[in-house]
Amino acid sequence: MDPNIRANIEPGIKVSIVQKQDQRSGKLTDGIVKDILTNSQNHPHGIKVRLTNGIVGRVQQIND
């Protein structure tokens, strides 16, 4: 599933995100989506979300 399309992301799914400070290194953080912060239907750098632990970043992968 494409992580750049908002319809593919819903609260409760497991994702890997990149935080703002990790964009250069590409370090990913795993977690469960709490809130979707991007309003547009798609975004070229990934949909911005808040995880259940409060970390905010852009979805790079949707995990099963």
C-alpha atoms as a PDB file:
ATOM      1  CA  MET A   1       0.000   0.000   0.000  1.00  0.00           C
ATOM      2  CA  ASP A   2       1.175   3.487  -0.865  1.00  0.00           C
ATOM      3  CA  PRO A   3       2.100   5.500   2.296  1.00  0.00           C
ATOM      4  CA  ASN A   4       1.632   8.758   0.350  1.00  0.00           C
ATOM      5  CA  ILE A   5      -2.149   8.274   0.060  1.00  0.00           C
ATOM      6  CA  ARG A   6      -4.242   9.304   3.079  1.00  0.00           C
ATOM      7  CA  ALA A   7      -6.991   6.726   2.410  1.00  0.00           C
ATOM      8  CA  ASN A   8      -4.474   3.895   3.072  1.00  0.00           C
ATOM      9  CA  ILE A   9      -3.774   5.132   6.623  1.00  0.00           C
ATOM     10  CA  GLU A  10      -6.178   4.858   9.526  1.00  0.00           C
ATOM     11  CA  PRO A  11      -5.845   5.031  13.313  1.00  0.00           C
ATOM     12  CA  GLY A  12      -4.719   1.743  14.836  1.00  0.00           C
ATOM     13  CA  ILE A  13      -2.486   0.482  12.014  1.00  0.00           C
ATOM     14  CA  LYS A  14       1.247  -0.200  12.421  1.00  0.00           C
ATOM     15  CA  VAL A  15       3.541   2.082  10.432  1.00  0.00           C
ATOM     16  CA  SER A  16       7.151   3.190  10.140  1.00  0.00           C
ATOM     17  CA  ILE A  17       7.617   6.960  10.163  1.00  0.00           C
ATOM     18  CA  VAL A  18      10.524   9.339   9.684  1.00  0.00           C
ATOM     19  CA  GLN A  19      10.719  12.184  12.201  1.00  0.00           C
ATOM     20  CA  LYS A  20      11.710  15.689  11.095  1.00  0.00           C
ATOM     21  CA  GLN A  21      15.177  15.472  12.665  1.00  0.00           C
ATOM     22  CA  ASP A  22      15.780  12.034  11.068  1.00  0.00           C
ATOM     23  CA  GLN A  23      14.906  12.993   7.473  1.00  0.00           C
ATOM     24  CA  ARG A  24      18.564  13.300   6.401  1.00  0.00           C
ATOM     25  CA  SER A  25      19.616   9.965   7.915  1.00  0.00           C
ATOM     26  CA  GLY A  26      16.381   8.179   6.978  1.00  0.00           C
ATOM     27  CA  LYS A  27      16.086   6.604  10.445  1.00  0.00           C
ATOM     28  CA  LEU A  28      12.614   5.060  10.828  1.00  0.00           C
ATOM     29  CA  THR A  29      10.499   4.839  13.971  1.00  0.00           C
ATOM     30  CA  ASP A  30       7.829   2.131  14.322  1.00  0.00           C
ATOM     31  CA  GLY A  31       4.513   2.692  16.041  1.00  0.00           C
ATOM     32  CA  ILE A  32       0.730   2.676  15.882  1.00  0.00           C
ATOM     33  CA  VAL A  33      -1.170   5.592  14.327  1.00  0.00           C
ATOM     34  CA  LYS A  34      -3.232   7.676  16.756  1.00  0.00           C
ATOM     35  CA  ASP A  35      -4.072  10.756  14.624  1.00  0.00           C
ATOM     36  CA  ILE A  36      -3.707  11.680  10.955  1.00  0.00           C
ATOM     37  CA  LEU A  37      -2.385  15.246  10.682  1.00  0.00           C
ATOM     38  CA  THR A  38      -2.264  15.715   6.889  1.00  0.00           C
ATOM     39  CA  ASN A  39      -5.520  17.059   5.470  1.00  0.00           C
ATOM     40  CA  SER A  40      -4.819  16.561   1.757  1.00  0.00           C
ATOM     41  CA  GLN A  41      -5.594  13.224   0.083  1.00  0.00           C
ATOM     42  CA  ASN A  42      -1.949  12.609  -0.804  1.00  0.00           C
ATOM     43  CA  HIS A  43       1.484  14.018  -0.056  1.00  0.00           C
ATOM     44  CA  PRO A  44       4.731  13.307  -1.951  1.00  0.00           C
ATOM     45  CA  HIS A  45       6.811  12.947   1.248  1.00  0.00           C
ATOM     46  CA  GLY A  46       4.298  10.808   3.151  1.00  0.00           C
ATOM     47  CA  ILE A  47       1.211  11.452   5.242  1.00  0.00           C
ATOM     48  CA  LYS A  48       1.992  13.163   8.577  1.00  0.00           C
ATOM     49  CA  VAL A  49       0.694  11.263  11.610  1.00  0.00           C
ATOM     50  CA  ARG A  50       0.946  11.233  15.404  1.00  0.00           C
ATOM     51  CA  LEU A  51       1.711   7.845  16.956  1.00  0.00           C
ATOM     52  CA  THR A  52       0.155   6.544  20.182  1.00  0.00           C
ATOM     53  CA  ASN A  53       3.393   7.477  22.015  1.00  0.00           C
ATOM     54  CA  GLY A  54       3.101  11.108  20.816  1.00  0.00           C
ATOM     55  CA  ILE A  55       5.854  11.050  18.168  1.00  0.00           C
ATOM     56  CA  VAL A  56       4.995  12.962  14.962  1.00  0.00           C
ATOM     57  CA  GLY A  57       6.391  12.113  11.544  1.00  0.00           C
ATOM     58  CA  ARG A  58       5.653  11.154   7.952  1.00  0.00           C
ATOM     59  CA  VAL A  59       4.642   7.593   7.076  1.00  0.00           C
ATOM     60  CA  GLN A  60       7.306   5.796   5.014  1.00  0.00           C
ATOM     61  CA  GLN A  61       5.962   2.229   5.308  1.00  0.00           C
ATOM     62  CA  ILE A  62       2.712   0.566   6.247  1.00  0.00           C
ATOM     63  CA  ASN A  63       3.443  -2.581   8.283  1.00  0.00           C
ATOM     64  CA  ASP A  64       1.218  -5.640   8.651  1.00  0.00           C
END
